PDB file of N, CA and C in Angstrom:
ATOM      1  N   MET A   1      44.947  -1.217  -0.256  1.00  0.00           N
ATOM      2  CA  MET A   1      43.656  -1.521   0.315  1.00  0.00           C
ATOM      3  C   MET A   1      42.578  -1.101  -0.678  1.00  0.00           C
ATOM      4  N   ASP A   2      41.720  -2.028  -1.055  1.00  0.00           N
ATOM      5  CA  ASP A   2      40.683  -1.768  -2.038  1.00  0.00           C
ATOM      6  C   ASP A   2      39.336  -1.679  -1.331  1.00  0.00           C
ATOM      7  N   ARG A   3      38.749  -0.476  -1.277  1.00  0.00           N
ATOM      8  CA  ARG A   3      37.444  -0.282  -0.642  1.00  0.00           C
ATOM      9  C   ARG A   3      36.412   0.083  -1.691  1.00  0.00           C
ATOM     10  N   LYS A   4      35.232  -0.477  -1.540  1.00  0.00           N
ATOM     11  CA  LYS A   4      34.137  -0.153  -2.450  1.00  0.00           C
ATOM     12  C   LYS A   4      33.202   0.802  -1.747  1.00  0.00           C
ATOM     13  N   LEU A   5      32.718   1.787  -2.486  1.00  0.00           N
ATOM     14  CA  LEU A   5      31.756   2.740  -1.945  1.00  0.00           C
ATOM     15  C   LEU A   5      30.398   2.065  -1.848  1.00  0.00           C
ATOM     16  N   SER A   6      29.799   2.141  -0.675  1.00  0.00           N
ATOM     17  CA  SER A   6      28.484   1.541  -0.457  1.00  0.00           C
ATOM     18  C   SER A   6      27.441   2.641  -0.400  1.00  0.00           C
ATOM     19  N   VAL A   7      26.380   2.498  -1.176  1.00  0.00           N
ATOM     20  CA  VAL A   7      25.297   3.479  -1.196  1.00  0.00           C
ATOM     21  C   VAL A   7      24.036   2.791  -0.709  1.00  0.00           C
ATOM     22  N   ASN A   8      23.401   3.356   0.301  1.00  0.00           N
ATOM     23  CA  ASN A   8      22.149   2.808   0.811  1.00  0.00           C
ATOM     24  C   ASN A   8      20.992   3.543   0.153  1.00  0.00           C
ATOM     25  N   THR A   9      20.298   2.873  -0.730  1.00  0.00           N
ATOM     26  CA  THR A   9      19.166   3.447  -1.433  1.00  0.00           C
ATOM     27  C   THR A   9      17.897   2.793  -0.921  1.00  0.00           C
ATOM     28  N   PRO A  10      16.880   3.596  -0.529  1.00  0.00           N
ATOM     29  CA  PRO A  10      15.647   2.983  -0.036  1.00  0.00           C
ATOM     30  C   PRO A  10      14.958   2.177  -1.133  1.00  0.00           C
ATOM     31  N   VAL A  11      14.367   1.064  -0.734  1.00  0.00           N
ATOM     32  CA  VAL A  11      13.651   0.185  -1.662  1.00  0.00           C
ATOM     33  C   VAL A  11      12.220   0.071  -1.165  1.00  0.00           C
ATOM     34  N   LEU A  12      11.253   0.238  -2.046  1.00  0.00           N
ATOM     35  CA  LEU A  12       9.848   0.151  -1.666  1.00  0.00           C
ATOM     36  C   LEU A  12       9.479  -1.276  -1.294  1.00  0.00           C
ATOM     37  N   PRO A  13       8.512  -1.449  -0.367  1.00  0.00           N
ATOM     38  CA  PRO A  13       8.085  -2.790   0.021  1.00  0.00           C
ATOM     39  C   PRO A  13       7.644  -3.603  -1.188  1.00  0.00           C
ATOM     40  N   GLY A  14       8.089  -4.853  -1.251  1.00  0.00           N
ATOM     41  CA  GLY A  14       7.720  -5.738  -2.345  1.00  0.00           C
ATOM     42  C   GLY A  14       8.587  -5.572  -3.574  1.00  0.00           C
ATOM     43  N   ALA A  15       9.447  -4.556  -3.565  1.00  0.00           N
ATOM     44  CA  ALA A  15      10.293  -4.317  -4.726  1.00  0.00           C
ATOM     45  C   ALA A  15      11.503  -5.249  -4.683  1.00  0.00           C
ATOM     46  N   TYR A  16      12.006  -5.608  -5.847  1.00  0.00           N
ATOM     47  CA  TYR A  16      13.207  -6.422  -5.913  1.00  0.00           C
ATOM     48  C   TYR A  16      14.407  -5.520  -5.715  1.00  0.00           C
ATOM     49  N   GLN A  17      15.408  -6.051  -5.048  1.00  0.00           N
ATOM     50  CA  GLN A  17      16.654  -5.328  -4.904  1.00  0.00           C
ATOM     51  C   GLN A  17      17.791  -6.272  -5.243  1.00  0.00           C
ATOM     52  N   GLN A  18      18.880  -5.735  -5.731  1.00  0.00           N
ATOM     53  CA  GLN A  18      19.997  -6.569  -6.141  1.00  0.00           C
ATOM     54  C   GLN A  18      21.024  -6.638  -5.026  1.00  0.00           C
ATOM     55  N   SER A  19      21.484  -7.820  -4.744  1.00  0.00           N
ATOM     56  CA  SER A  19      22.547  -8.044  -3.781  1.00  0.00           C
ATOM     57  C   SER A  19      23.616  -8.858  -4.499  1.00  0.00           C
ATOM     58  N   HIS A  20      24.868  -8.436  -4.390  1.00  0.00           N
ATOM     59  CA  HIS A  20      25.923  -9.121  -5.124  1.00  0.00           C
ATOM     60  C   HIS A  20      26.090 -10.565  -4.680  1.00  0.00           C
ATOM     61  N   SER A  21      25.783 -10.850  -3.414  1.00  0.00           N
ATOM     62  CA  SER A  21      25.965 -12.212  -2.934  1.00  0.00           C
ATOM     63  C   SER A  21      24.699 -13.060  -3.080  1.00  0.00           C
ATOM     64  N   GLN A  22      23.529 -12.417  -3.120  1.00  0.00           N
ATOM     65  CA  GLN A  22      22.297 -13.191  -3.110  1.00  0.00           C
ATOM     66  C   GLN A  22      21.444 -13.021  -4.363  1.00  0.00           C
ATOM     67  N   GLY A  23      21.822 -12.197  -5.289  1.00  0.00           N
ATOM     68  CA  GLY A  23      21.004 -11.976  -6.475  1.00  0.00           C
ATOM     69  C   GLY A  23      19.832 -11.069  -6.161  1.00  0.00           C
ATOM     70  N   TYR A  24      18.653 -11.343  -6.729  1.00  0.00           N
ATOM     71  CA  TYR A  24      17.470 -10.537  -6.493  1.00  0.00           C
ATOM     72  C   TYR A  24      16.590 -11.213  -5.453  1.00  0.00           C
ATOM     73  N   GLY A  25      15.872 -10.408  -4.668  1.00  0.00           N
ATOM     74  CA  GLY A  25      14.987 -10.990  -3.673  1.00  0.00           C
ATOM     75  C   GLY A  25      14.120  -9.929  -3.045  1.00  0.00           C
ATOM     76  N   TYR A  26      13.167 -10.358  -2.237  1.00  0.00           N
ATOM     77  CA  TYR A  26      12.290  -9.421  -1.545  1.00  0.00           C
ATOM     78  C   TYR A  26      13.003  -8.811  -0.358  1.00  0.00           C
ATOM     79  N   MET A  27      12.515  -7.639   0.072  1.00  0.00           N
ATOM     80  CA  MET A  27      13.075  -6.981   1.235  1.00  0.00           C
ATOM     81  C   MET A  27      12.809  -7.805   2.484  1.00  0.00           C
ATOM     82  N   HIS A  28      13.673  -7.652   3.453  1.00  0.00           N
ATOM     83  CA  HIS A  28      13.485  -8.305   4.749  1.00  0.00           C
ATOM     84  C   HIS A  28      12.263  -7.711   5.438  1.00  0.00           C
ATOM     85  N   GLN A  29      11.531  -8.510   6.220  1.00  0.00           N
ATOM     86  CA  GLN A  29      10.290  -8.079   6.857  1.00  0.00           C
ATOM     87  C   GLN A  29      10.476  -6.843   7.721  1.00  0.00           C
ATOM     88  N   THR A  30      11.616  -6.704   8.416  1.00  0.00           N
ATOM     89  CA  THR A  30      11.810  -5.526   9.263  1.00  0.00           C
ATOM     90  C   THR A  30      11.885  -4.258   8.427  1.00  0.00           C
ATOM     91  N   SER A  31      12.402  -4.357   7.216  1.00  0.00           N
ATOM     92  CA  SER A  31      12.443  -3.198   6.323  1.00  0.00           C
ATOM     93  C   SER A  31      11.044  -2.805   5.889  1.00  0.00           C
ATOM     94  N   VAL A  32      10.210  -3.802   5.614  1.00  0.00           N
ATOM     95  CA  VAL A  32       8.828  -3.542   5.217  1.00  0.00           C
ATOM     96  C   VAL A  32       8.093  -2.862   6.369  1.00  0.00           C
ATOM     97  N   SER A  33       8.286  -3.351   7.605  1.00  0.00           N
ATOM     98  CA  SER A  33       7.636  -2.753   8.771  1.00  0.00           C
ATOM     99  C   SER A  33       8.056  -1.308   8.951  1.00  0.00           C
ATOM    100  N   SER A  34       9.318  -1.010   8.726  1.00  0.00           N
ATOM    101  CA  SER A  34       9.803   0.364   8.844  1.00  0.00           C
ATOM    102  C   SER A  34       9.158   1.269   7.818  1.00  0.00           C
ATOM    103  N   MET A  35       8.929   0.755   6.610  1.00  0.00           N
ATOM    104  CA  MET A  35       8.327   1.546   5.544  1.00  0.00           C
ATOM    105  C   MET A  35       6.870   1.877   5.865  1.00  0.00           C
ATOM    106  N   ARG A  36       6.176   0.986   6.600  1.00  0.00           N
ATOM    107  CA  ARG A  36       4.769   1.214   6.915  1.00  0.00           C
ATOM    108  C   ARG A  36       4.575   2.433   7.797  1.00  0.00           C
ATOM    109  N   SER A  37       5.567   2.747   8.639  1.00  0.00           N
ATOM    110  CA  SER A  37       5.416   3.860   9.570  1.00  0.00           C
ATOM    111  C   SER A  37       5.628   5.214   8.897  1.00  0.00           C
ATOM    112  N   MET A  38       6.124   5.229   7.675  1.00  0.00           N
ATOM    113  CA  MET A  38       6.350   6.481   6.953  1.00  0.00           C
ATOM    114  C   MET A  38       5.032   7.066   6.473  1.00  0.00           C
ATOM    115  N   GLN A  39       4.960   8.383   6.405  1.00  0.00           N
ATOM    116  CA  GLN A  39       3.769   9.062   5.892  1.00  0.00           C
ATOM    117  C   GLN A  39       3.690   8.859   4.378  1.00  0.00           C
ATOM    118  N   PRO A  40       2.493   8.613   3.833  1.00  0.00           N
ATOM    119  CA  PRO A  40       2.371   8.472   2.380  1.00  0.00           C
ATOM    120  C   PRO A  40       2.600   9.820   1.700  1.00  0.00           C
ATOM    121  N   PRO A  41       3.164   9.826   0.497  1.00  0.00           N
ATOM    122  CA  PRO A  41       3.352  11.072  -0.233  1.00  0.00           C
ATOM    123  C   PRO A  41       2.025  11.793  -0.441  1.00  0.00           C
ATOM    124  N   ALA A  42       2.077  13.119  -0.457  1.00  0.00           N
ATOM    125  CA  ALA A  42       0.868  13.938  -0.538  1.00  0.00           C
ATOM    126  C   ALA A  42       0.087  13.723  -1.837  1.00  0.00           C
ATOM    127  N   HIS A  43       0.738  13.267  -2.901  1.00  0.00           N
ATOM    128  CA  HIS A  43       0.057  13.119  -4.192  1.00  0.00           C
ATOM    129  C   HIS A  43      -0.800  11.852  -4.287  1.00  0.00           C
ATOM    130  N   LEU A  44      -0.758  10.975  -3.280  1.00  0.00           N
ATOM    131  CA  LEU A  44      -1.575   9.768  -3.326  1.00  0.00           C
ATOM    132  C   LEU A  44      -3.015  10.095  -2.974  1.00  0.00           C
ATOM    133  N   ARG A  45      -3.932   9.436  -3.611  1.00  0.00           N
ATOM    134  CA  ARG A  45      -5.362   9.739  -3.468  1.00  0.00           C
ATOM    135  C   ARG A  45      -5.949   9.175  -2.182  1.00  0.00           C
ATOM    136  N   THR A  46      -6.828   9.977  -1.563  1.00  0.00           N
ATOM    137  CA  THR A  46      -7.536   9.574  -0.360  1.00  0.00           C
ATOM    138  C   THR A  46      -9.033   9.646  -0.616  1.00  0.00           C
ATOM    139  N   TYR A  47      -9.759   8.625  -0.153  1.00  0.00           N
ATOM    140  CA  TYR A  47     -11.201   8.545  -0.304  1.00  0.00           C
ATOM    141  C   TYR A  47     -11.829   8.309   1.068  1.00  0.00           C
ATOM    142  N   ARG A  48     -13.133   8.542   1.182  1.00  0.00           N
ATOM    143  CA  ARG A  48     -13.878   8.275   2.409  1.00  0.00           C
ATOM    144  C   ARG A  48     -15.007   7.319   2.066  1.00  0.00           C
ATOM    145  N   ALA A  49     -15.208   6.331   2.940  1.00  0.00           N
ATOM    146  CA  ALA A  49     -16.280   5.355   2.733  1.00  0.00           C
ATOM    147  C   ALA A  49     -17.633   5.996   3.007  1.00  0.00           C
ATOM    148  N   MET A  50     -18.582   5.766   2.106  1.00  0.00           N
ATOM    149  CA  MET A  50     -19.938   6.285   2.273  1.00  0.00           C
ATOM    150  C   MET A  50     -20.865   5.243   2.880  1.00  0.00           C
ATOM    151  N   TYR A  51     -20.457   3.972   2.838  1.00  0.00           N
ATOM    152  CA  TYR A  51     -21.264   2.859   3.341  1.00  0.00           C
ATOM    153  C   TYR A  51     -20.337   1.822   3.975  1.00  0.00           C
ATOM    154  N   ASP A  52     -20.907   0.935   4.770  1.00  0.00           N
ATOM    155  CA  ASP A  52     -20.163  -0.221   5.270  1.00  0.00           C
ATOM    156  C   ASP A  52     -19.991  -1.212   4.124  1.00  0.00           C
ATOM    157  N   TYR A  53     -18.875  -1.940   4.127  1.00  0.00           N
ATOM    158  CA  TYR A  53     -18.658  -2.987   3.132  1.00  0.00           C
ATOM    159  C   TYR A  53     -17.937  -4.156   3.789  1.00  0.00           C
ATOM    160  N   SER A  54     -18.462  -5.364   3.592  1.00  0.00           N
ATOM    161  CA  SER A  54     -17.830  -6.590   4.089  1.00  0.00           C
ATOM    162  C   SER A  54     -17.173  -7.300   2.918  1.00  0.00           C
ATOM    163  N   ALA A  55     -15.887  -7.571   3.061  1.00  0.00           N
ATOM    164  CA  ALA A  55     -15.128  -8.234   2.000  1.00  0.00           C
ATOM    165  C   ALA A  55     -15.801  -9.542   1.612  1.00  0.00           C
ATOM    166  N   GLN A  56     -15.892  -9.780   0.303  1.00  0.00           N
ATOM    167  CA  GLN A  56     -16.516 -10.984  -0.230  1.00  0.00           C
ATOM    168  C   GLN A  56     -15.491 -12.023  -0.677  1.00  0.00           C
ATOM    169  N   ASP A  57     -14.208 -11.626  -0.708  1.00  0.00           N
ATOM    170  CA  ASP A  57     -13.148 -12.517  -1.175  1.00  0.00           C
ATOM    171  C   ASP A  57     -11.857 -12.171  -0.442  1.00  0.00           C
ATOM    172  N   GLU A  58     -10.854 -13.034  -0.524  1.00  0.00           N
ATOM    173  CA  GLU A  58      -9.587 -12.844   0.190  1.00  0.00           C
ATOM    174  C   GLU A  58      -8.823 -11.589  -0.241  1.00  0.00           C
ATOM    175  N   ASP A  59      -8.993 -11.163  -1.493  1.00  0.00           N
ATOM    176  CA  ASP A  59      -8.236 -10.012  -1.984  1.00  0.00           C
ATOM    177  C   ASP A  59      -8.976  -8.685  -1.792  1.00  0.00           C
ATOM    178  N   GLU A  60     -10.117  -8.716  -1.102  1.00  0.00           N
ATOM    179  CA  GLU A  60     -10.883  -7.504  -0.824  1.00  0.00           C
ATOM    180  C   GLU A  60     -10.677  -7.059   0.615  1.00  0.00           C
ATOM    181  N   VAL A  61     -11.033  -5.789   0.921  1.00  0.00           N
ATOM    182  CA  VAL A  61     -10.955  -5.282   2.287  1.00  0.00           C
ATOM    183  C   VAL A  61     -12.334  -4.832   2.755  1.00  0.00           C
ATOM    184  N   SER A  62     -12.580  -5.014   4.046  1.00  0.00           N
ATOM    185  CA  SER A  62     -13.816  -4.538   4.667  1.00  0.00           C
ATOM    186  C   SER A  62     -13.569  -3.148   5.225  1.00  0.00           C
ATOM    187  N   PHE A  63     -14.639  -2.337   5.286  1.00  0.00           N
ATOM    188  CA  PHE A  63     -14.515  -1.013   5.881  1.00  0.00           C
ATOM    189  C   PHE A  63     -15.872  -0.554   6.375  1.00  0.00           C
ATOM    190  N   ARG A  64     -15.874   0.529   7.153  1.00  0.00           N
ATOM    191  CA  ARG A  64     -17.107   1.082   7.717  1.00  0.00           C
ATOM    192  C   ARG A  64     -17.364   2.464   7.137  1.00  0.00           C
ATOM    193  N   ASP A  65     -18.608   2.867   7.160  1.00  0.00           N
ATOM    194  CA  ASP A  65     -18.994   4.219   6.747  1.00  0.00           C
ATOM    195  C   ASP A  65     -18.129   5.225   7.519  1.00  0.00           C
ATOM    196  N   GLY A  66     -17.510   6.141   6.794  1.00  0.00           N
ATOM    197  CA  GLY A  66     -16.664   7.154   7.416  1.00  0.00           C
ATOM    198  C   GLY A  66     -15.189   6.815   7.449  1.00  0.00           C
ATOM    199  N   ASP A  67     -14.805   5.555   7.191  1.00  0.00           N
ATOM    200  CA  ASP A  67     -13.390   5.185   7.153  1.00  0.00           C
ATOM    201  C   ASP A  67     -12.694   5.909   6.006  1.00  0.00           C
ATOM    202  N   TYR A  68     -11.422   6.219   6.208  1.00  0.00           N
ATOM    203  CA  TYR A  68     -10.614   6.795   5.141  1.00  0.00           C
ATOM    204  C   TYR A  68      -9.827   5.684   4.475  1.00  0.00           C
ATOM    205  N   ILE A  69      -9.822   5.713   3.147  1.00  0.00           N
ATOM    206  CA  ILE A  69      -9.077   4.748   2.352  1.00  0.00           C
ATOM    207  C   ILE A  69      -7.967   5.542   1.671  1.00  0.00           C
ATOM    208  N   VAL A  70      -6.717   5.145   1.892  1.00  0.00           N
ATOM    209  CA  VAL A  70      -5.570   5.883   1.359  1.00  0.00           C
ATOM    210  C   VAL A  70      -4.849   5.074   0.302  1.00  0.00           C
ATOM    211  N   ASN A  71      -3.996   5.768  -0.452  1.00  0.00           N
ATOM    212  CA  ASN A  71      -3.200   5.154  -1.518  1.00  0.00           C
ATOM    213  C   ASN A  71      -4.088   4.454  -2.543  1.00  0.00           C
ATOM    214  N   VAL A  72      -5.203   5.079  -2.858  1.00  0.00           N
ATOM    215  CA  VAL A  72      -6.200   4.464  -3.742  1.00  0.00           C
ATOM    216  C   VAL A  72      -5.763   4.540  -5.203  1.00  0.00           C
ATOM    217  N   GLN A  73      -5.922   3.415  -5.882  1.00  0.00           N
ATOM    218  CA  GLN A  73      -5.603   3.314  -7.304  1.00  0.00           C
ATOM    219  C   GLN A  73      -6.762   2.625  -8.015  1.00  0.00           C
ATOM    220  N   PRO A  74      -7.179   3.149  -9.165  1.00  0.00           N
ATOM    221  CA  PRO A  74      -8.242   2.479  -9.916  1.00  0.00           C
ATOM    222  C   PRO A  74      -7.745   1.166 -10.506  1.00  0.00           C
ATOM    223  N   ILE A  75      -8.610   0.162 -10.536  1.00  0.00           N
ATOM    224  CA  ILE A  75      -8.272  -1.128 -11.151  1.00  0.00           C
ATOM    225  C   ILE A  75      -8.997  -1.233 -12.487  1.00  0.00           C
ATOM    226  N   ASP A  76     -10.315  -1.148 -12.436  1.00  0.00           N
ATOM    227  CA  ASP A  76     -11.148  -1.148 -13.640  1.00  0.00           C
ATOM    228  C   ASP A  76     -12.488  -0.541 -13.252  1.00  0.00           C
ATOM    229  N   ASP A  77     -13.442  -0.544 -14.161  1.00  0.00           N
ATOM    230  CA  ASP A  77     -14.744   0.033 -13.835  1.00  0.00           C
ATOM    231  C   ASP A  77     -15.349  -0.683 -12.635  1.00  0.00           C
ATOM    232  N   GLY A  78     -15.602   0.083 -11.598  1.00  0.00           N
ATOM    233  CA  GLY A  78     -16.271  -0.466 -10.442  1.00  0.00           C
ATOM    234  C   GLY A  78     -15.382  -0.937  -9.306  1.00  0.00           C
ATOM    235  N   TRP A  79     -14.063  -1.055  -9.507  1.00  0.00           N
ATOM    236  CA  TRP A  79     -13.172  -1.549  -8.458  1.00  0.00           C
ATOM    237  C   TRP A  79     -11.932  -0.684  -8.324  1.00  0.00           C
ATOM    238  N   MET A  80     -11.491  -0.552  -7.069  1.00  0.00           N
ATOM    239  CA  MET A  80     -10.277   0.197  -6.769  1.00  0.00           C
ATOM    240  C   MET A  80      -9.442  -0.627  -5.802  1.00  0.00           C
ATOM    241  N   TYR A  81      -8.217  -0.192  -5.585  1.00  0.00           N
ATOM    242  CA  TYR A  81      -7.289  -0.862  -4.681  1.00  0.00           C
ATOM    243  C   TYR A  81      -6.777   0.183  -3.704  1.00  0.00           C
ATOM    244  N   GLY A  82      -6.815  -0.099  -2.416  1.00  0.00           N
ATOM    245  CA  GLY A  82      -6.349   0.876  -1.442  1.00  0.00           C
ATOM    246  C   GLY A  82      -6.193   0.276  -0.059  1.00  0.00           C
ATOM    247  N   THR A  83      -5.806   1.132   0.886  1.00  0.00           N
ATOM    248  CA  THR A  83      -5.567   0.726   2.267  1.00  0.00           C
ATOM    249  C   THR A  83      -6.549   1.431   3.188  1.00  0.00           C
ATOM    250  N   VAL A  84      -7.259   0.660   3.999  1.00  0.00           N
ATOM    251  CA  VAL A  84      -8.178   1.233   4.984  1.00  0.00           C
ATOM    252  C   VAL A  84      -7.317   1.768   6.123  1.00  0.00           C
ATOM    253  N   GLN A  85      -7.350   3.078   6.324  1.00  0.00           N
ATOM    254  CA  GLN A  85      -6.471   3.710   7.297  1.00  0.00           C
ATOM    255  C   GLN A  85      -6.702   3.172   8.715  1.00  0.00           C
ATOM    256  N   ARG A  86      -7.936   2.936   9.103  1.00  0.00           N
ATOM    257  CA  ARG A  86      -8.265   2.477  10.458  1.00  0.00           C
ATOM    258  C   ARG A  86      -7.674   1.108  10.762  1.00  0.00           C
ATOM    259  N   THR A  87      -7.725   0.181   9.803  1.00  0.00           N
ATOM    260  CA  THR A  87      -7.284  -1.195  10.037  1.00  0.00           C
ATOM    261  C   THR A  87      -5.896  -1.495   9.496  1.00  0.00           C
ATOM    262  N   GLY A  88      -5.449  -0.700   8.518  1.00  0.00           N
ATOM    263  CA  GLY A  88      -4.159  -0.961   7.890  1.00  0.00           C
ATOM    264  C   GLY A  88      -4.203  -2.052   6.845  1.00  0.00           C
ATOM    265  N   ARG A  89      -5.392  -2.585   6.576  1.00  0.00           N
ATOM    266  CA  ARG A  89      -5.531  -3.651   5.579  1.00  0.00           C
ATOM    267  C   ARG A  89      -5.618  -3.064   4.174  1.00  0.00           C
ATOM    268  N   THR A  90      -4.989  -3.767   3.228  1.00  0.00           N
ATOM    269  CA  THR A  90      -4.938  -3.320   1.841  1.00  0.00           C
ATOM    270  C   THR A  90      -5.580  -4.366   0.943  1.00  0.00           C
ATOM    271  N   GLY A  91      -6.353  -3.888  -0.058  1.00  0.00           N
ATOM    272  CA  GLY A  91      -6.963  -4.806  -1.010  1.00  0.00           C
ATOM    273  C   GLY A  91      -7.941  -4.092  -1.916  1.00  0.00           C
ATOM    274  N   MET A  92      -8.714  -4.875  -2.630  1.00  0.00           N
ATOM    275  CA  MET A  92      -9.697  -4.328  -3.563  1.00  0.00           C
ATOM    276  C   MET A  92     -10.952  -3.901  -2.817  1.00  0.00           C
ATOM    277  N   LEU A  93     -11.635  -2.894  -3.385  1.00  0.00           N
ATOM    278  CA  LEU A  93     -12.874  -2.400  -2.801  1.00  0.00           C
ATOM    279  C   LEU A  93     -13.750  -1.813  -3.894  1.00  0.00           C
ATOM    280  N   PRO A  94     -15.075  -1.835  -3.686  1.00  0.00           N
ATOM    281  CA  PRO A  94     -15.976  -1.316  -4.717  1.00  0.00           C
ATOM    282  C   PRO A  94     -15.903   0.208  -4.801  1.00  0.00           C
ATOM    283  N   ALA A  95     -15.726   0.718  -6.008  1.00  0.00           N
ATOM    284  CA  ALA A  95     -15.565   2.154  -6.222  1.00  0.00           C
ATOM    285  C   ALA A  95     -16.812   2.952  -5.867  1.00  0.00           C
ATOM    286  N   ASN A  96     -18.001   2.368  -6.005  1.00  0.00           N
ATOM    287  CA  ASN A  96     -19.236   3.109  -5.730  1.00  0.00           C
ATOM    288  C   ASN A  96     -19.560   3.196  -4.235  1.00  0.00           C
ATOM    289  N   TYR A  97     -18.703   2.647  -3.375  1.00  0.00           N
ATOM    290  CA  TYR A  97     -18.888   2.749  -1.927  1.00  0.00           C
ATOM    291  C   TYR A  97     -18.033   3.854  -1.311  1.00  0.00           C
ATOM    292  N   ILE A  98     -17.189   4.493  -2.101  1.00  0.00           N
ATOM    293  CA  ILE A  98     -16.269   5.507  -1.572  1.00  0.00           C
ATOM    294  C   ILE A  98     -16.365   6.800  -2.378  1.00  0.00           C
ATOM    295  N   GLU A  99     -15.988   7.917  -1.724  1.00  0.00           N
ATOM    296  CA  GLU A  99     -15.997   9.215  -2.407  1.00  0.00           C
ATOM    297  C   GLU A  99     -14.624   9.869  -2.277  1.00  0.00           C
ATOM    298  N   PHE A 100     -14.232  10.592  -3.309  1.00  0.00           N
ATOM    299  CA  PHE A 100     -12.924  11.248  -3.354  1.00  0.00           C
ATOM    300  C   PHE A 100     -12.835  12.368  -2.327  1.00  0.00           C
ATOM    301  N   VAL A 101     -11.727  12.411  -1.570  1.00  0.00           N
ATOM    302  CA  VAL A 101     -11.475  13.474  -0.592  1.00  0.00           C
ATOM    303  C   VAL A 101     -10.368  14.394  -1.116  1.00  0.00           C
ATOM    304  N   ASN A 102      -9.221  13.808  -1.461  1.00  0.00           N
ATOM    305  CA  ASN A 102      -8.101  14.574  -2.053  1.00  0.00           C
ATOM    306  C   ASN A 102      -7.151  13.674  -2.781  1.00  0.00           C
TER     307      ASN A 102
END
């Protein structure tokens, strides 16, 4: 009897994973939903909105004064990428509308 050892390794949302029968592909939607409920690692940056902002394009996010923006990453001068904690929406946002919290 020939048995192969199976190892279940977590894969981040949007990451490619290898399957011997299917090649490479995106994670199944239920896996992505499960990942959303996990707490973000403590080393990710959190900011607070100082002003209201209405998204001007599809890849931007709207937020209100006082909203927390998590998982923030700089893109270039003047723009950042993050998730508005209140709405769960992720996208680009103007850097001069938010202030660093931790």
